Amino acid sequence: MGRRLARWALAKQYDINIAHQSPRYQAMEKVDGKITLSFAHVDGGWRPFDVPQPIGFTIAGEDKNFVTADAKILKDGRIEVWSDSVSDPVAVRYAWADNPVCNMYDRADLPLTPFRTDDWDGVTKGRE
């Protein structure tokens, strides 16, 4: 956490050209039963941690039932997400759990911010 705050201070307060923002979800596109995701602030490309393939993605169809998804980094930096058990996907989530297993970092060693592409009500809706 200290290193990330130091990056922010160097970039914002001292005008030093250094990556300081974590990659963030930007947009999605659905093509042929897969969802392709675009991101902002990916400095130098992706560097999955520990294993070469992206992990931590889930995908759902209209039934809102999320399942573990396969993912692939495309040459242009977008990430393609799919599951054989979801033929018509409509939503993707990344690191969307209490203790997520996820591994996406950019080349500046900044982690991909958890995100969801949907705005469906959560399990706590109405329990206030």
Protein backbone atom coordinates (compact mmCIF):
# COMPACT_ATOMS: atom_id res chain seq x y z
CA MET A 1 0.00 0.00 0.00
CA GLY A 2 2.84 2.38 0.81
CA ARG A 3 4.41 1.92 -2.61
CA ARG A 4 1.13 2.64 -4.33
CA LEU A 5 0.64 5.82 -2.30
CA ALA A 6 4.21 6.86 -3.05
CA ARG A 7 3.58 6.42 -6.79
CA TRP A 8 0.49 8.60 -6.52
CA ALA A 9 2.39 11.32 -4.66
CA LEU A 10 5.31 11.26 -7.11
CA ALA A 11 2.95 11.56 -10.08
CA LYS A 12 0.46 14.07 -8.69
CA GLN A 13 2.51 16.23 -6.33
CA TYR A 14 5.94 16.14 -7.98
CA ASP A 15 4.89 15.75 -11.64
CA ILE A 16 7.10 12.69 -12.11
CA ASN A 17 6.05 10.54 -15.05
CA ILE A 18 5.32 7.24 -13.29
CA ALA A 19 2.44 4.78 -13.53
CA HIS A 20 0.21 5.52 -10.56
CA GLN A 21 -3.30 4.35 -11.40
CA SER A 22 -4.38 0.72 -11.28
CA PRO A 23 -5.92 -0.72 -14.43
CA ARG A 24 -9.70 -0.23 -14.47
CA TYR A 25 -12.56 -1.75 -16.40
CA GLN A 26 -13.69 0.53 -19.21
CA ALA A 27 -16.10 -1.26 -21.58
CA MET A 28 -17.38 -4.64 -22.77
CA GLU A 29 -18.39 -6.07 -26.10
CA LYS A 30 -20.28 -9.33 -26.65
CA VAL A 31 -19.25 -11.40 -29.67
CA ASP A 32 -20.01 -15.06 -30.47
CA GLY A 33 -20.79 -16.19 -26.91
CA LYS A 34 -17.81 -14.40 -25.39
CA ILE A 35 -17.36 -11.03 -23.73
CA THR A 36 -14.36 -8.90 -24.61
CA LEU A 37 -13.33 -6.36 -21.98
CA SER A 38 -11.42 -3.10 -22.46
CA PHE A 39 -9.46 -1.33 -19.73
CA ALA A 40 -7.94 2.04 -18.92
CA HIS A 41 -4.55 2.62 -17.26
CA VAL A 42 -2.88 -0.64 -18.31
CA ASP A 43 0.75 0.44 -18.18
CA GLY A 44 2.97 -1.71 -20.42
CA GLY A 45 0.51 -4.55 -20.88
CA TRP A 46 -0.67 -7.35 -18.61
CA ARG A 47 1.39 -9.51 -16.26
CA PRO A 48 -0.71 -12.25 -14.67
CA PHE A 49 0.76 -13.21 -11.30
CA ASP A 50 1.84 -16.78 -10.47
CA VAL A 51 0.29 -18.49 -13.53
CA PRO A 52 0.27 -17.33 -17.16
CA GLN A 53 -3.51 -17.31 -17.69
CA PRO A 54 -5.86 -14.74 -16.16
CA ILE A 55 -7.88 -15.98 -13.18
CA GLY A 56 -10.55 -14.36 -11.04
CA PHE A 57 -13.22 -13.82 -13.69
CA THR A 58 -16.83 -15.01 -13.45
CA ILE A 59 -19.52 -14.77 -16.11
CA ALA A 60 -23.32 -14.96 -16.17
CA GLY A 61 -26.23 -15.07 -18.56
CA GLU A 62 -29.68 -13.53 -18.14
CA ASP A 63 -30.32 -15.97 -15.25
CA LYS A 64 -27.77 -13.98 -13.17
CA ASN A 65 -26.02 -17.21 -12.17
CA PHE A 66 -22.28 -16.50 -12.12
CA VAL A 67 -19.83 -19.30 -12.89
CA THR A 68 -16.04 -19.40 -13.07
CA ALA A 69 -14.91 -18.19 -16.47
CA ASP A 70 -11.97 -18.84 -18.74
CA ALA A 71 -10.08 -15.76 -19.87
CA LYS A 72 -7.46 -14.91 -22.46
CA ILE A 73 -5.35 -11.79 -22.96
CA LEU A 74 -5.66 -10.58 -26.54
CA LYS A 75 -2.74 -9.03 -28.43
CA ASP A 76 -4.36 -5.58 -28.25
CA GLY A 77 -4.57 -5.71 -24.43
CA ARG A 78 -8.25 -6.52 -24.17
CA ILE A 79 -9.32 -9.61 -22.23
CA GLU A 80 -11.73 -12.17 -23.66
CA VAL A 81 -13.92 -14.00 -21.13
CA TRP A 82 -16.19 -17.04 -21.63
CA SER A 83 -17.55 -20.23 -20.14
CA ASP A 84 -18.81 -23.32 -21.93
CA SER A 85 -21.73 -23.42 -19.45
CA VAL A 86 -22.95 -19.90 -20.39
CA SER A 87 -23.94 -19.80 -24.06
CA ASP A 88 -25.30 -16.23 -24.06
CA PRO A 89 -23.29 -14.19 -21.52
CA VAL A 90 -24.41 -10.73 -20.43
CA ALA A 91 -22.20 -9.89 -17.43
CA VAL A 92 -18.66 -10.39 -16.13
CA ARG A 93 -17.17 -9.83 -12.70
CA TYR A 94 -13.55 -9.81 -11.61
CA ALA A 95 -12.31 -10.39 -8.04
CA TRP A 96 -15.90 -9.96 -6.87
CA ALA A 97 -15.78 -11.98 -3.65
CA ASP A 98 -14.91 -11.63 0.02
CA ASN A 99 -11.54 -13.30 -0.47
CA PRO A 100 -11.01 -13.46 -4.24
CA VAL A 101 -8.43 -15.56 -6.03
CA CYS A 102 -7.26 -13.26 -8.81
CA ASN A 103 -3.98 -12.51 -10.55
CA MET A 104 -4.13 -9.60 -12.98
CA TYR A 105 -1.45 -6.89 -12.79
CA ASP A 106 -0.07 -4.53 -15.36
CA ARG A 107 3.68 -4.32 -16.14
CA ALA A 108 4.01 -1.50 -13.57
CA ASP A 109 2.94 -4.06 -10.91
CA LEU A 110 -0.38 -2.35 -10.25
CA PRO A 111 -3.35 -4.71 -9.71
CA LEU A 112 -6.50 -4.69 -11.79
CA THR A 113 -9.25 -3.04 -9.74
CA PRO A 114 -12.14 -5.42 -8.92
CA PHE A 115 -15.18 -4.69 -11.08
CA ARG A 116 -18.51 -5.86 -12.36
CA THR A 117 -20.17 -5.07 -15.68
CA ASP A 118 -23.70 -5.51 -14.31
CA ASP A 119 -25.80 -3.41 -11.96
CA TRP A 120 -27.94 -6.22 -10.57
CA ASP A 121 -29.10 -6.05 -6.96
CA GLY A 122 -26.77 -7.78 -4.49
CA VAL A 123 -27.69 -10.40 -1.91
CA THR A 124 -27.91 -7.74 0.80
CA LYS A 125 -30.49 -5.62 -1.06
CA GLY A 126 -33.47 -5.02 1.22
CA ARG A 127 -31.70 -6.21 4.38
CA GLU A 128 -30.91 -2.72 5.69
